[in-house]
PDB file of N, CA and C in Angstrom:
ATOM      1  N   MET A   1     126.043 117.504 117.979  1.00  0.00           N
ATOM      2  CA  MET A   1     125.635 118.365 119.058  1.00  0.00           C
ATOM      3  C   MET A   1     126.527 117.877 120.245  1.00  0.00           C
ATOM      4  N   ASP A   2     127.332 118.704 120.778  1.00  0.00           N
ATOM      5  CA  ASP A   2     128.082 118.472 122.007  1.00  0.00           C
ATOM      6  C   ASP A   2     127.323 118.992 123.209  1.00  0.00           C
ATOM      7  N   LEU A   3     127.003 118.146 124.108  1.00  0.00           N
ATOM      8  CA  LEU A   3     126.171 118.478 125.489  1.00  0.00           C
ATOM      9  C   LEU A   3     127.060 118.755 126.516  1.00  0.00           C
ATOM     10  N   ASN A   4     128.506 118.635 126.377  1.00  0.00           N
ATOM     11  CA  ASN A   4     129.438 119.016 127.383  1.00  0.00           C
ATOM     12  C   ASN A   4     128.996 118.373 128.783  1.00  0.00           C
ATOM     13  N   LEU A   5     128.854 116.914 128.793  1.00  0.00           N
ATOM     14  CA  LEU A   5     128.326 116.325 129.957  1.00  0.00           C
ATOM     15  C   LEU A   5     129.404 116.039 130.962  1.00  0.00           C
ATOM     16  N   THR A   6     129.015 116.147 132.040  1.00  0.00           N
ATOM     17  CA  THR A   6     130.119 115.743 133.210  1.00  0.00           C
ATOM     18  C   THR A   6     130.271 114.240 133.205  1.00  0.00           C
ATOM     19  N   PRO A   7     131.434 113.747 133.727  1.00  0.00           N
ATOM     20  CA  PRO A   7     131.581 112.272 133.873  1.00  0.00           C
ATOM     21  C   PRO A   7     130.379 111.608 134.545  1.00  0.00           C
ATOM     22  N   TYR A   8     129.847 112.132 135.466  1.00  0.00           N
ATOM     23  CA  TYR A   8     128.591 111.538 136.282  1.00  0.00           C
ATOM     24  C   TYR A   8     127.536 111.367 135.153  1.00  0.00           C
ATOM     25  N   LEU A   9     127.274 112.432 134.376  1.00  0.00           N
ATOM     26  CA  LEU A   9     126.180 112.314 133.422  1.00  0.00           C
ATOM     27  C   LEU A   9     126.444 111.411 132.312  1.00  0.00           C
ATOM     28  N   GLN A  10     127.805 111.353 131.889  1.00  0.00           N
ATOM     29  CA  GLN A  10     128.071 110.545 130.981  1.00  0.00           C
ATOM     30  C   GLN A  10     127.947 108.938 131.272  1.00  0.00           C
ATOM     31  N   GLU A  11     128.211 108.694 132.582  1.00  0.00           N
ATOM     32  CA  GLU A  11     127.917 107.407 133.243  1.00  0.00           C
ATOM     33  C   GLU A  11     126.482 107.111 133.216  1.00  0.00           C
ATOM     34  N   LYS A  12     125.775 107.979 133.626  1.00  0.00           N
ATOM     35  CA  LYS A  12     124.248 107.749 133.661  1.00  0.00           C
ATOM     36  C   LYS A  12     123.679 107.485 132.241  1.00  0.00           C
ATOM     37  N   LEU A  13     124.207 108.190 131.426  1.00  0.00           N
ATOM     38  CA  LEU A  13     123.711 108.118 129.976  1.00  0.00           C
ATOM     39  C   LEU A  13     124.210 106.599 129.351  1.00  0.00           C
ATOM     40  N   LYS A  14     125.399 106.194 129.763  1.00  0.00           N
ATOM     41  CA  LYS A  14     125.742 104.854 129.376  1.00  0.00           C
ATOM     42  C   LYS A  14     124.865 103.795 130.157  1.00  0.00           C
ATOM     43  N   GLN A  15     124.448 104.170 131.445  1.00  0.00           N
ATOM     44  CA  GLN A  15     123.642 103.118 132.231  1.00  0.00           C
ATOM     45  C   GLN A  15     122.212 103.040 131.479  1.00  0.00           C
ATOM     46  N   ALA A  16     121.912 104.261 131.121  1.00  0.00           N
ATOM     47  CA  ALA A  16     120.431 104.337 130.418  1.00  0.00           C
ATOM     48  C   ALA A  16     120.394 103.498 129.129  1.00  0.00           C
ATOM     49  N   GLN A  17     121.511 103.726 128.288  1.00  0.00           N
ATOM     50  CA  GLN A  17     121.571 102.931 127.011  1.00  0.00           C
ATOM     51  C   GLN A  17     121.630 101.562 127.393  1.00  0.00           C
ATOM     52  N   THR A  18     122.389 100.894 128.219  1.00  0.00           N
ATOM     53  CA  THR A  18     122.490  99.653 128.592  1.00  0.00           C
ATOM     54  C   THR A  18     121.218  98.997 129.042  1.00  0.00           C
ATOM     55  N   LEU A  19     120.487  99.796 129.800  1.00  0.00           N
ATOM     56  CA  LEU A  19     119.202  99.287 130.470  1.00  0.00           C
ATOM     57  C   LEU A  19     118.302  99.211 129.109  1.00  0.00           C
ATOM     58  N   GLN A  20     118.317 100.050 128.263  1.00  0.00           N
ATOM     59  CA  GLN A  20     117.419 100.116 127.191  1.00  0.00           C
ATOM     60  C   GLN A  20     117.635  98.904 126.265  1.00  0.00           C
ATOM     61  N   GLN A  21     118.936  98.578 126.114  1.00  0.00           N
ATOM     62  CA  GLN A  21     119.156  97.389 125.164  1.00  0.00           C
ATOM     63  C   GLN A  21     118.707  96.130 126.023  1.00  0.00           C
ATOM     64  N   GLN A  22     118.853  96.095 127.347  1.00  0.00           N
ATOM     65  CA  GLN A  22     118.445  94.868 128.041  1.00  0.00           C
ATOM     66  C   GLN A  22     116.905  94.884 128.106  1.00  0.00           C
ATOM     67  N   LEU A  23     116.286  95.883 128.064  1.00  0.00           N
ATOM     68  CA  LEU A  23     114.708  95.936 127.971  1.00  0.00           C
ATOM     69  C   LEU A  23     114.413  95.416 126.660  1.00  0.00           C
ATOM     70  N   GLU A  24     114.954  95.945 125.585  1.00  0.00           N
ATOM     71  CA  GLU A  24     114.693  95.535 124.256  1.00  0.00           C
ATOM     72  C   GLU A  24     114.798  94.059 124.200  1.00  0.00           C
ATOM     73  N   SER A  25     115.844  93.422 124.592  1.00  0.00           N
ATOM     74  CA  SER A  25     116.136  92.017 124.576  1.00  0.00           C
ATOM     75  C   SER A  25     114.967  91.209 125.454  1.00  0.00           C
ATOM     76  N   VAL A  26     114.654  91.705 126.540  1.00  0.00           N
ATOM     77  CA  VAL A  26     113.569  91.159 127.474  1.00  0.00           C
ATOM     78  C   VAL A  26     112.326  90.900 126.668  1.00  0.00           C
ATOM     79  N   ILE A  27     111.844  92.391 125.935  1.00  0.00           N
ATOM     80  CA  ILE A  27     110.626  92.391 125.273  1.00  0.00           C
ATOM     81  C   ILE A  27     110.690  91.448 124.109  1.00  0.00           C
ATOM     82  N   SER A  28     111.728  91.291 123.419  1.00  0.00           N
ATOM     83  CA  SER A  28     111.890  90.397 122.329  1.00  0.00           C
ATOM     84  C   SER A  28     111.643  89.055 122.812  1.00  0.00           C
ATOM     85  N   GLN A  29     112.305  88.544 123.667  1.00  0.00           N
ATOM     86  CA  GLN A  29     112.095  87.289 124.280  1.00  0.00           C
ATOM     87  C   GLN A  29     110.826  86.957 124.621  1.00  0.00           C
ATOM     88  N   LYS A  30     110.186  87.898 125.397  1.00  0.00           N
ATOM     89  CA  LYS A  30     108.770  87.602 125.802  1.00  0.00           C
ATOM     90  C   LYS A  30     107.917  87.531 124.605  1.00  0.00           C
ATOM     91  N   TYR A  31     108.051  88.284 123.727  1.00  0.00           N
ATOM     92  CA  TYR A  31     107.140  88.272 122.506  1.00  0.00           C
ATOM     93  C   TYR A  31     107.220  86.952 121.671  1.00  0.00           C
ATOM     94  N   GLN A  32     108.605  86.326 121.720  1.00  0.00           N
ATOM     95  CA  GLN A  32     108.703  84.949 121.151  1.00  0.00           C
ATOM     96  C   GLN A  32     108.162  84.037 122.033  1.00  0.00           C
ATOM     97  N   PHE A  33     108.105  84.011 123.244  1.00  0.00           N
ATOM     98  CA  PHE A  33     107.505  82.941 124.171  1.00  0.00           C
ATOM     99  C   PHE A  33     106.020  83.114 124.090  1.00  0.00           C
ATOM    100  N   ASP A  34     105.594  84.348 123.980  1.00  0.00           N
ATOM    101  CA  ASP A  34     104.078  84.605 123.833  1.00  0.00           C
ATOM    102  C   ASP A  34     103.541  83.820 122.391  1.00  0.00           C
ATOM    103  N   LEU A  35     104.384  84.002 121.419  1.00  0.00           N
ATOM    104  CA  LEU A  35     103.911  83.463 120.150  1.00  0.00           C
ATOM    105  C   LEU A  35     104.006  82.067 120.193  1.00  0.00           C
ATOM    106  N   LYS A  36     104.937  81.347 120.938  1.00  0.00           N
ATOM    107  CA  LYS A  36     105.096  79.860 121.080  1.00  0.00           C
ATOM    108  C   LYS A  36     103.915  79.376 121.931  1.00  0.00           C
ATOM    109  N   VAL A  37     103.452  80.202 123.009  1.00  0.00           N
ATOM    110  CA  VAL A  37     102.459  79.719 123.925  1.00  0.00           C
ATOM    111  C   VAL A  37     101.153  79.635 123.013  1.00  0.00           C
ATOM    112  N   LYS A  38     100.881  80.656 122.240  1.00  0.00           N
ATOM    113  CA  LYS A  38      99.751  80.792 121.415  1.00  0.00           C
ATOM    114  C   LYS A  38      99.666  79.606 120.424  1.00  0.00           C
ATOM    115  N   GLU A  39     100.930  79.248 119.697  1.00  0.00           N
ATOM    116  CA  GLU A  39     100.986  78.158 118.925  1.00  0.00           C
ATOM    117  C   GLU A  39     100.604  76.733 119.519  1.00  0.00           C
ATOM    118  N   ILE A  40     101.258  76.596 120.736  1.00  0.00           N
ATOM    119  CA  ILE A  40     100.994  75.350 121.493  1.00  0.00           C
ATOM    120  C   ILE A  40      99.508  75.209 121.951  1.00  0.00           C
ATOM    121  N   THR A  41      98.892  76.351 122.224  1.00  0.00           N
ATOM    122  CA  THR A  41      97.505  76.500 122.738  1.00  0.00           C
ATOM    123  C   THR A  41      96.594  76.014 121.472  1.00  0.00           C
ATOM    124  N   LYS A  42      97.016  76.530 120.263  1.00  0.00           N
ATOM    125  CA  LYS A  42      96.154  76.178 119.124  1.00  0.00           C
ATOM    126  C   LYS A  42      96.334  74.708 118.746  1.00  0.00           C
ATOM    127  N   THR A  43      97.584  74.205 118.885  1.00  0.00           N
ATOM    128  CA  THR A  43      97.873  72.803 118.672  1.00  0.00           C
ATOM    129  C   THR A  43      96.936  71.988 119.620  1.00  0.00           C
ATOM    130  N   LEU A  44      97.019  72.310 120.894  1.00  0.00           N
ATOM    131  CA  LEU A  44      96.341  71.522 121.829  1.00  0.00           C
ATOM    132  C   LEU A  44      94.698  71.447 121.524  1.00  0.00           C
ATOM    133  N   GLU A  45      94.231  72.520 121.152  1.00  0.00           N
ATOM    134  CA  GLU A  45      92.831  72.813 120.671  1.00  0.00           C
ATOM    135  C   GLU A  45      92.489  71.828 119.532  1.00  0.00           C
ATOM    136  N   GLU A  46      93.376  71.778 118.621  1.00  0.00           N
ATOM    137  CA  GLU A  46      93.240  70.884 117.499  1.00  0.00           C
ATOM    138  C   GLU A  46      93.399  69.427 117.832  1.00  0.00           C
ATOM    139  N   LEU A  47      94.300  69.272 118.663  1.00  0.00           N
ATOM    140  CA  LEU A  47      94.371  67.680 119.041  1.00  0.00           C
ATOM    141  C   LEU A  47      93.091  67.317 119.932  1.00  0.00           C
ATOM    142  N   GLY A  48      92.464  68.255 120.576  1.00  0.00           N
ATOM    143  CA  GLY A  48      91.327  67.929 121.197  1.00  0.00           C
ATOM    144  C   GLY A  48      90.146  67.704 120.506  1.00  0.00           C
ATOM    145  N   LYS A  49      90.142  68.243 119.273  1.00  0.00           N
ATOM    146  CA  LYS A  49      88.954  68.009 118.407  1.00  0.00           C
ATOM    147  C   LYS A  49      89.042  66.710 117.439  1.00  0.00           C
ATOM    148  N   LEU A  50      90.152  66.132 117.471  1.00  0.00           N
ATOM    149  CA  LEU A  50      90.493  64.904 116.815  1.00  0.00           C
ATOM    150  C   LEU A  50      89.619  63.706 117.298  1.00  0.00           C
ATOM    151  N   GLU A  51      89.263  62.780 116.270  1.00  0.00           N
ATOM    152  CA  GLU A  51      88.500  61.685 116.643  1.00  0.00           C
ATOM    153  C   GLU A  51      89.452  60.606 117.231  1.00  0.00           C
ATOM    154  N   GLN A  52      88.962  59.770 117.910  1.00  0.00           N
ATOM    155  CA  GLN A  52      89.863  58.643 118.526  1.00  0.00           C
ATOM    156  C   GLN A  52      90.518  57.862 117.202  1.00  0.00           C
ATOM    157  N   GLY A  53      91.655  57.496 117.337  1.00  0.00           N
ATOM    158  CA  GLY A  53      92.492  56.834 116.142  1.00  0.00           C
ATOM    159  C   GLY A  53      92.840  57.618 115.005  1.00  0.00           C
ATOM    160  N   SER A  54      92.684  59.020 115.051  1.00  0.00           N
ATOM    161  CA  SER A  54      93.113  59.834 113.971  1.00  0.00           C
ATOM    162  C   SER A  54      94.673  59.822 113.900  1.00  0.00           C
ATOM    163  N   SER A  55      95.219  59.978 112.768  1.00  0.00           N
ATOM    164  CA  SER A  55      96.665  60.020 112.536  1.00  0.00           C
ATOM    165  C   SER A  55      97.075  61.402 112.877  1.00  0.00           C
ATOM    166  N   VAL A  56      98.191  61.391 113.643  1.00  0.00           N
ATOM    167  CA  VAL A  56      98.780  62.655 114.103  1.00  0.00           C
ATOM    168  C   VAL A  56     100.314  62.619 113.700  1.00  0.00           C
ATOM    169  N   PHE A  57     100.838  63.622 113.170  1.00  0.00           N
ATOM    170  CA  PHE A  57     102.203  63.789 112.748  1.00  0.00           C
ATOM    171  C   PHE A  57     102.892  64.950 113.513  1.00  0.00           C
ATOM    172  N   ARG A  58     104.072  64.816 113.723  1.00  0.00           N
ATOM    173  CA  ARG A  58     104.911  65.871 114.350  1.00  0.00           C
ATOM    174  C   ARG A  58     106.087  66.265 113.372  1.00  0.00           C
ATOM    175  N   SER A  59     106.147  67.506 113.329  1.00  0.00           N
ATOM    176  CA  SER A  59     107.337  67.996 112.526  1.00  0.00           C
ATOM    177  C   SER A  59     108.498  67.947 113.168  1.00  0.00           C
ATOM    178  N   VAL A  60     109.705  67.271 112.473  1.00  0.00           N
ATOM    179  CA  VAL A  60     110.829  67.286 113.107  1.00  0.00           C
ATOM    180  C   VAL A  60     111.945  67.610 112.070  1.00  0.00           C
ATOM    181  N   GLY A  61     112.507  68.884 112.202  1.00  0.00           N
ATOM    182  CA  GLY A  61     113.239  69.536 111.119  1.00  0.00           C
ATOM    183  C   GLY A  61     112.330  69.648 109.906  1.00  0.00           C
ATOM    184  N   SER A  62     112.752  69.045 108.824  1.00  0.00           N
ATOM    185  CA  SER A  62     111.964  69.293 107.582  1.00  0.00           C
ATOM    186  C   SER A  62     111.104  68.044 107.111  1.00  0.00           C
ATOM    187  N   ILE A  63     110.883  67.168 108.128  1.00  0.00           N
ATOM    188  CA  ILE A  63     110.149  65.873 107.826  1.00  0.00           C
ATOM    189  C   ILE A  63     108.979  65.758 108.972  1.00  0.00           C
ATOM    190  N   LEU A  64     108.062  65.049 108.492  1.00  0.00           N
ATOM    191  CA  LEU A  64     106.903  64.636 109.480  1.00  0.00           C
ATOM    192  C   LEU A  64     106.978  63.243 109.970  1.00  0.00           C
ATOM    193  N   ILE A  65     106.878  63.009 111.201  1.00  0.00           N
ATOM    194  CA  ILE A  65     107.013  61.906 111.839  1.00  0.00           C
ATOM    195  C   ILE A  65     105.584  61.409 112.492  1.00  0.00           C
ATOM    196  N   PRO A  66     105.183  60.192 112.318  1.00  0.00           N
ATOM    197  CA  PRO A  66     103.966  59.779 112.854  1.00  0.00           C
ATOM    198  C   PRO A  66     104.128  59.798 114.346  1.00  0.00           C
ATOM    199  N   VAL A  67     102.981  60.264 115.153  1.00  0.00           N
ATOM    200  CA  VAL A  67     102.943  60.270 116.638  1.00  0.00           C
ATOM    201  C   VAL A  67     102.049  59.075 116.994  1.00  0.00           C
ATOM    202  N   LYS A  68     102.694  58.041 117.785  1.00  0.00           N
ATOM    203  CA  LYS A  68     102.027  56.768 118.278  1.00  0.00           C
ATOM    204  C   LYS A  68     101.210  57.093 119.425  1.00  0.00           C
ATOM    205  N   ASP A  69     101.690  57.998 120.414  1.00  0.00           N
ATOM    206  CA  ASP A  69     100.742  58.106 121.529  1.00  0.00           C
ATOM    207  C   ASP A  69     100.273  59.749 121.733  1.00  0.00           C
ATOM    208  N   VAL A  70      99.178  60.069 121.174  1.00  0.00           N
ATOM    209  CA  VAL A  70      98.747  61.403 121.121  1.00  0.00           C
ATOM    210  C   VAL A  70      98.569  61.893 122.763  1.00  0.00           C
ATOM    211  N   GLU A  71      98.196  61.081 123.596  1.00  0.00           N
ATOM    212  CA  GLU A  71      98.055  61.655 124.940  1.00  0.00           C
ATOM    213  C   GLU A  71      99.422  62.145 125.626  1.00  0.00           C
ATOM    214  N   SER A  72     100.560  61.338 125.195  1.00  0.00           N
ATOM    215  CA  SER A  72     101.849  61.848 125.718  1.00  0.00           C
ATOM    216  C   SER A  72     102.183  63.072 124.886  1.00  0.00           C
ATOM    217  N   LEU A  73     101.967  63.246 123.702  1.00  0.00           N
ATOM    218  CA  LEU A  73     102.134  64.411 122.962  1.00  0.00           C
ATOM    219  C   LEU A  73     101.405  65.704 123.681  1.00  0.00           C
ATOM    220  N   LYS A  74     100.226  65.471 123.956  1.00  0.00           N
ATOM    221  CA  LYS A  74      99.472  66.384 124.732  1.00  0.00           C
ATOM    222  C   LYS A  74     100.111  66.836 125.949  1.00  0.00           C
ATOM    223  N   LYS A  75     100.647  65.795 126.768  1.00  0.00           N
ATOM    224  CA  LYS A  75     101.156  66.081 128.001  1.00  0.00           C
ATOM    225  C   LYS A  75     102.448  66.821 127.784  1.00  0.00           C
ATOM    226  N   GLU A  76     103.138  66.418 126.782  1.00  0.00           N
ATOM    227  CA  GLU A  76     104.537  67.177 126.375  1.00  0.00           C
ATOM    228  C   GLU A  76     104.205  68.578 126.121  1.00  0.00           C
ATOM    229  N   LEU A  77     103.136  68.805 125.390  1.00  0.00           N
ATOM    230  CA  LEU A  77     102.847  70.146 124.970  1.00  0.00           C
ATOM    231  C   LEU A  77     102.511  71.030 126.209  1.00  0.00           C
ATOM    232  N   GLU A  78     101.518  70.439 127.013  1.00  0.00           N
ATOM    233  CA  GLU A  78     101.185  71.096 128.208  1.00  0.00           C
ATOM    234  C   GLU A  78     102.498  71.396 129.068  1.00  0.00           C
ATOM    235  N   ASP A  79     103.269  70.656 129.140  1.00  0.00           N
ATOM    236  CA  ASP A  79     104.424  70.898 130.067  1.00  0.00           C
ATOM    237  C   ASP A  79     105.237  72.059 129.424  1.00  0.00           C
ATOM    238  N   GLU A  80     105.452  71.904 128.171  1.00  0.00           N
ATOM    239  CA  GLU A  80     106.261  73.008 127.516  1.00  0.00           C
ATOM    240  C   GLU A  80     105.464  74.362 127.606  1.00  0.00           C
ATOM    241  N   LYS A  81     104.193  74.371 127.499  1.00  0.00           N
ATOM    242  CA  LYS A  81     103.416  75.648 127.592  1.00  0.00           C
ATOM    243  C   LYS A  81     103.493  76.225 129.025  1.00  0.00           C
ATOM    244  N   GLU A  82     103.428  75.235 130.060  1.00  0.00           N
ATOM    245  CA  GLU A  82     103.598  75.706 131.397  1.00  0.00           C
ATOM    246  C   GLU A  82     105.005  76.303 131.610  1.00  0.00           C
ATOM    247  N   THR A  83     105.971  75.746 131.140  1.00  0.00           N
ATOM    248  CA  THR A  83     107.436  76.080 131.377  1.00  0.00           C
ATOM    249  C   THR A  83     107.515  77.499 130.620  1.00  0.00           C
ATOM    250  N   LEU A  84     106.970  77.758 129.536  1.00  0.00           N
ATOM    251  CA  LEU A  84     107.037  78.967 128.902  1.00  0.00           C
ATOM    252  C   LEU A  84     106.243  80.066 129.602  1.00  0.00           C
ATOM    253  N   GLU A  85     105.223  79.674 130.225  1.00  0.00           N
ATOM    254  CA  GLU A  85     104.426  80.725 130.823  1.00  0.00           C
ATOM    255  C   GLU A  85     105.174  81.216 132.175  1.00  0.00           C
ATOM    256  N   VAL A  86     105.803  80.241 132.813  1.00  0.00           N
ATOM    257  CA  VAL A  86     106.675  80.706 133.871  1.00  0.00           C
ATOM    258  C   VAL A  86     107.661  81.463 133.480  1.00  0.00           C
ATOM    259  N   ARG A  87     108.398  81.227 132.374  1.00  0.00           N
ATOM    260  CA  ARG A  87     109.343  82.043 131.897  1.00  0.00           C
ATOM    261  C   ARG A  87     108.870  83.503 131.409  1.00  0.00           C
ATOM    262  N   ILE A  88     107.755  83.469 131.007  1.00  0.00           N
ATOM    263  CA  ILE A  88     107.088  84.899 130.499  1.00  0.00           C
ATOM    264  C   ILE A  88     106.914  85.634 131.869  1.00  0.00           C
ATOM    265  N   ARG A  89     106.422  85.144 132.932  1.00  0.00           N
ATOM    266  CA  ARG A  89     106.179  85.834 134.129  1.00  0.00           C
ATOM    267  C   ARG A  89     107.506  86.336 134.721  1.00  0.00           C
ATOM    268  N   THR A  90     108.498  85.485 134.552  1.00  0.00           N
ATOM    269  CA  THR A  90     109.976  85.842 134.931  1.00  0.00           C
ATOM    270  C   THR A  90     110.356  87.265 134.107  1.00  0.00           C
ATOM    271  N   LEU A  91     110.160  87.001 132.816  1.00  0.00           N
ATOM    272  CA  LEU A  91     110.538  88.221 131.947  1.00  0.00           C
ATOM    273  C   LEU A  91     109.851  89.446 132.351  1.00  0.00           C
ATOM    274  N   GLU A  92     108.462  89.166 132.582  1.00  0.00           N
ATOM    275  CA  GLU A  92     107.553  90.460 132.901  1.00  0.00           C
ATOM    276  C   GLU A  92     108.208  91.221 134.152  1.00  0.00           C
ATOM    277  N   LYS A  93     108.576  90.309 135.163  1.00  0.00           N
ATOM    278  CA  LYS A  93     109.177  90.861 136.343  1.00  0.00           C
ATOM    279  C   LYS A  93     110.495  91.657 136.016  1.00  0.00           C
ATOM    280  N   GLN A  94     111.270  90.976 135.202  1.00  0.00           N
ATOM    281  CA  GLN A  94     112.521  91.604 134.742  1.00  0.00           C
ATOM    282  C   GLN A  94     112.175  92.896 134.034  1.00  0.00           C
ATOM    283  N   GLN A  95     111.215  92.875 133.081  1.00  0.00           N
ATOM    284  CA  GLN A  95     110.944  94.100 132.357  1.00  0.00           C
ATOM    285  C   GLN A  95     110.665  95.156 133.255  1.00  0.00           C
ATOM    286  N   LYS A  96     109.611  94.861 134.149  1.00  0.00           N
ATOM    287  CA  LYS A  96     109.206  95.942 135.141  1.00  0.00           C
ATOM    288  C   LYS A  96     110.509  96.521 135.977  1.00  0.00           C
ATOM    289  N   MET A  97     111.441  95.544 136.478  1.00  0.00           N
ATOM    290  CA  MET A  97     112.557  96.093 137.065  1.00  0.00           C
ATOM    291  C   MET A  97     113.285  96.974 136.263  1.00  0.00           C
ATOM    292  N   LEU A  98     113.553  96.615 135.057  1.00  0.00           N
ATOM    293  CA  LEU A  98     114.398  97.440 134.109  1.00  0.00           C
ATOM    294  C   LEU A  98     113.767  98.695 133.808  1.00  0.00           C
ATOM    295  N   GLU A  99     112.520  98.795 133.720  1.00  0.00           N
ATOM    296  CA  GLU A  99     111.647 100.104 133.437  1.00  0.00           C
ATOM    297  C   GLU A  99     111.823 100.843 134.527  1.00  0.00           C
ATOM    298  N   GLU A 100     111.669 100.438 135.802  1.00  0.00           N
ATOM    299  CA  GLU A 100     111.910 101.159 136.957  1.00  0.00           C
ATOM    300  C   GLU A 100     113.351 101.732 137.090  1.00  0.00           C
ATOM    301  N   LYS A 101     114.337 101.049 136.719  1.00  0.00           N
ATOM    302  CA  LYS A 101     115.789 101.349 136.947  1.00  0.00           C
ATOM    303  C   LYS A 101     115.948 102.597 135.818  1.00  0.00           C
ATOM    304  N   TYR A 102     115.344 102.252 134.642  1.00  0.00           N
ATOM    305  CA  TYR A 102     115.602 103.267 133.562  1.00  0.00           C
ATOM    306  C   TYR A 102     114.913 104.609 133.844  1.00  0.00           C
ATOM    307  N   LYS A 103     113.731 104.557 134.525  1.00  0.00           N
ATOM    308  CA  LYS A 103     113.032 105.714 134.901  1.00  0.00           C
ATOM    309  C   LYS A 103     113.884 106.623 136.034  1.00  0.00           C
ATOM    310  N   GLU A 104     114.373 105.833 136.887  1.00  0.00           N
ATOM    311  CA  GLU A 104     115.292 106.431 138.013  1.00  0.00           C
ATOM    312  C   GLU A 104     116.462 107.102 137.306  1.00  0.00           C
ATOM    313  N   ILE A 105     117.136 106.432 136.373  1.00  0.00           N
ATOM    314  CA  ILE A 105     118.215 107.073 135.778  1.00  0.00           C
ATOM    315  C   ILE A 105     117.851 108.375 134.977  1.00  0.00           C
ATOM    316  N   GLN A 106     116.612 108.357 134.239  1.00  0.00           N
ATOM    317  CA  GLN A 106     116.176 109.421 133.663  1.00  0.00           C
ATOM    318  C   GLN A 106     116.039 110.596 134.573  1.00  0.00           C
ATOM    319  N   GLU A 107     115.269 110.256 135.737  1.00  0.00           N
ATOM    320  CA  GLU A 107     115.063 111.331 136.536  1.00  0.00           C
ATOM    321  C   GLU A 107     116.349 111.951 137.148  1.00  0.00           C
ATOM    322  N   GLU A 108     117.360 111.099 137.495  1.00  0.00           N
ATOM    323  CA  GLU A 108     118.729 111.504 138.052  1.00  0.00           C
ATOM    324  C   GLU A 108     119.255 112.456 136.871  1.00  0.00           C
ATOM    325  N   PHE A 109     119.237 111.891 135.720  1.00  0.00           N
ATOM    326  CA  PHE A 109     119.986 112.764 134.697  1.00  0.00           C
ATOM    327  C   PHE A 109     119.303 113.977 134.376  1.00  0.00           C
ATOM    328  N   SER A 110     118.024 114.009 134.354  1.00  0.00           N
ATOM    329  CA  SER A 110     117.193 115.302 134.169  1.00  0.00           C
ATOM    330  C   SER A 110     117.588 116.421 135.427  1.00  0.00           C
ATOM    331  N   LYS A 111     117.639 115.786 136.600  1.00  0.00           N
ATOM    332  CA  LYS A 111     117.935 116.657 137.809  1.00  0.00           C
ATOM    333  C   LYS A 111     119.337 117.194 137.664  1.00  0.00           C
ATOM    334  N   ALA A 112     120.306 116.413 137.375  1.00  0.00           N
ATOM    335  CA  ALA A 112     121.708 116.814 137.423  1.00  0.00           C
ATOM    336  C   ALA A 112     121.938 117.495 136.069  1.00  0.00           C
ATOM    337  N   TYR A 113     121.392 117.351 134.901  1.00  0.00           N
ATOM    338  CA  TYR A 113     121.682 118.145 133.749  1.00  0.00           C
ATOM    339  C   TYR A 113     120.958 119.605 133.994  1.00  0.00           C
ATOM    340  N   GLY A 114     119.760 119.448 134.619  1.00  0.00           N
ATOM    341  CA  GLY A 114     118.923 120.804 134.886  1.00  0.00           C
ATOM    342  C   GLY A 114     119.893 121.525 135.583  1.00  0.00           C
ATOM    343  N   LYS A 115     120.502 121.096 136.738  1.00  0.00           N
ATOM    344  CA  LYS A 115     121.372 121.878 137.683  1.00  0.00           C
ATOM    345  C   LYS A 115     122.557 122.403 136.785  1.00  0.00           C
ATOM    346  N   GLY A 116     123.081 121.756 135.888  1.00  0.00           N
ATOM    347  CA  GLY A 116     124.185 122.156 134.977  1.00  0.00           C
ATOM    348  C   GLY A 116     123.908 123.226 134.168  1.00  0.00           C
ATOM    349  N   GLN A 117     122.752 123.174 133.612  1.00  0.00           N
ATOM    350  CA  GLN A 117     122.198 124.237 132.604  1.00  0.00           C
ATOM    351  C   GLN A 117     121.947 125.639 133.384  1.00  0.00           C
ATOM    352  N   SER A 118     121.330 125.481 134.483  1.00  0.00           N
ATOM    353  CA  SER A 118     120.905 126.749 135.307  1.00  0.00           C
ATOM    354  C   SER A 118     122.071 127.433 135.942  1.00  0.00           C
ATOM    355  N   GLY A 119     123.247 126.744 136.112  1.00  0.00           N
ATOM    356  CA  GLY A 119     124.353 127.247 136.861  1.00  0.00           C
ATOM    357  C   GLY A 119     125.375 127.771 135.788  1.00  0.00           C
TER     358      GLY A 119
END
């Protein structure tokens, strides 16, 4: 189907496609970070249930390594969780901005295409 788009509309269509790809990337990253935060939260909960002196191991590649200082592991996990939460908030702002730009381009495209169709 050939829509006979003007160069202006072709450019707007390209911009919309680029924004959609960026939006998909941001949503995917945010999803991955959300999963990681949930995993860390669950790990911290389980570490909190352990009795003093319990053995704890950490996965490094395909092997398990004993953890000598559980408190430093907890601190490390809390720091990682905090960093991920900041990154998620940044991605949420970026997502909102991209969605707004996409909507603006959609509206511009609709107005311009509608004018072309009626004339």
